[in-house]
Protein backbone atom coordinates (compact mmCIF):
# COMPACT_ATOMS: atom_id res chain seq x y z
CA MET A 1 9.22 0.24 32.01
CA GLU A 2 12.27 -0.66 34.06
CA VAL A 3 14.11 -3.90 33.41
CA GLU A 4 16.76 -5.14 35.81
CA GLY A 5 20.18 -4.77 34.22
CA LEU A 6 18.84 -2.79 31.29
CA GLY A 7 17.39 0.29 32.96
CA GLU A 8 14.33 2.25 31.84
CA GLY A 9 12.77 2.32 28.39
CA LYS A 10 9.58 2.20 26.38
CA ASP A 11 9.80 -1.23 24.74
CA PHE A 12 11.95 -4.25 25.49
CA LYS A 13 13.01 -7.52 23.86
CA LEU A 14 13.96 -10.08 26.54
CA TYR A 15 15.27 -13.62 26.15
CA PRO A 16 17.03 -16.29 28.20
CA GLY A 17 20.24 -14.76 29.49
CA GLY A 18 19.60 -11.16 28.47
CA GLY A 19 17.73 -8.57 26.55
CA ARG A 20 17.79 -5.10 25.10
CA PRO A 21 15.51 -2.22 24.17
CA TRP A 22 13.14 -3.13 21.34
CA ASP A 23 13.52 -0.69 18.47
CA TRP A 24 10.53 -1.09 16.16
CA ASN A 25 12.41 0.72 13.39
CA GLU A 26 14.80 -2.22 12.97
CA THR A 27 12.00 -4.27 11.34
CA GLY A 28 9.47 -1.59 10.45
CA THR A 29 7.04 -2.76 13.09
CA ARG A 30 3.84 -0.73 13.55
CA HIS A 31 0.74 -1.31 15.66
CA ALA A 32 -0.90 -2.87 12.58
CA PRO A 33 -0.15 -5.37 11.21
CA GLY A 34 1.89 -5.75 14.38
CA ILE A 35 4.66 -7.99 15.67
CA GLN A 36 6.50 -9.54 12.71
CA PRO A 37 8.51 -12.76 12.35
CA ALA A 38 11.71 -10.66 12.32
CA ASP A 39 10.76 -9.28 15.74
CA VAL A 40 10.79 -12.74 17.35
CA ALA A 41 13.78 -14.13 15.46
CA GLU A 42 16.24 -12.94 18.12
CA LEU A 43 14.17 -14.57 20.85
CA LEU A 44 14.32 -17.89 18.98
CA GLU A 45 18.05 -17.53 18.41
CA HIS A 46 18.53 -17.23 22.19
CA GLY A 47 16.62 -20.44 22.88
CA SER A 48 13.17 -19.20 23.93
CA LYS A 49 10.76 -22.14 24.28
CA VAL A 50 7.88 -19.92 25.40
CA ILE A 51 7.35 -16.38 24.12
CA VAL A 52 5.24 -13.72 25.81
CA LEU A 53 3.96 -10.98 23.48
CA SER A 54 2.68 -7.79 25.03
CA ARG A 55 -0.07 -5.92 23.17
CA GLY A 56 0.43 -2.64 25.03
CA MET A 57 -1.61 -1.05 27.77
CA ASP A 58 -4.59 -0.37 25.47
CA LEU A 59 -4.17 -3.59 23.44
CA ALA A 60 -3.27 -1.58 20.32
CA LEU A 61 -0.34 -3.75 19.16
CA LEU A 62 -1.37 -6.64 16.94
CA THR A 63 0.59 -9.75 15.95
CA CYS A 64 1.00 -10.75 12.29
CA PRO A 65 -0.46 -14.18 11.47
CA GLU A 66 2.91 -15.09 9.92
CA THR A 67 4.54 -14.57 13.31
CA LEU A 68 2.15 -16.97 14.98
CA ASP A 69 2.65 -19.47 12.15
CA LEU A 70 6.44 -19.31 12.57
CA LEU A 71 6.23 -19.86 16.33
CA GLN A 72 3.80 -22.74 15.90
CA GLU A 73 6.11 -24.35 13.30
CA ARG A 74 9.01 -24.08 15.77
CA GLY A 75 6.93 -25.64 18.57
CA VAL A 76 7.09 -22.47 20.70
CA GLU A 77 4.26 -21.74 23.09
CA VAL A 78 2.93 -18.17 22.62
CA LEU A 79 1.14 -16.08 25.27
CA ILE A 80 -0.38 -12.78 24.15
CA GLU A 81 -1.36 -10.40 26.97
CA GLU A 82 -1.92 -6.78 27.92
CA THR A 83 1.42 -5.39 29.10
CA LYS A 84 0.97 -5.64 32.88
CA ALA A 85 -0.34 -9.19 32.56
CA ALA A 86 2.48 -10.03 30.13
CA VAL A 87 5.10 -8.79 32.57
CA GLU A 88 3.62 -10.87 35.40
CA ARG A 89 3.45 -13.95 33.22
CA TYR A 90 7.01 -13.47 31.94
CA ASN A 91 8.43 -12.95 35.44
CA ALA A 92 6.71 -16.08 36.73
CA LEU A 93 7.97 -18.17 33.80
CA THR A 94 11.60 -17.11 34.15
CA GLU A 95 11.80 -19.29 37.26
CA THR A 96 11.22 -22.52 35.32
CA THR A 97 11.25 -21.94 31.58
CA ALA A 98 13.46 -20.62 28.75
CA VAL A 99 11.15 -17.68 28.10
CA GLY A 100 11.44 -14.71 25.80
CA GLY A 101 9.22 -11.68 25.50
CA LEU A 102 8.43 -8.55 23.58
CA PHE A 103 7.08 -5.77 25.75
CA HIS A 104 5.33 -2.64 24.51
CA SER A 105 4.75 -0.25 27.40
CA THR A 106 2.38 2.28 25.86
CA CYS A 107 -0.86 2.07 23.82
């Protein structure tokens, strides 16, 4: 993937005003059980009101139920998509919404 201002990489964590490569090793993330609450914490800290979660190109990346519970408790809308669809959704939302996203470019 290529992200404006961040260059090329495999996975990205984007939020209002910025972003960075997403290093799964920081939180021990694996395809299963998937995206953890710690993975979305930085997006919430940067004011994301909507969060787009990419499942990868083959939909291999899951999302922990605890992550969805946390986002629901915070009143954050969650959109879970295949990567290409997630990128399109994220890009469209950046025009009008404080959106964050986790993007997994492979499997």
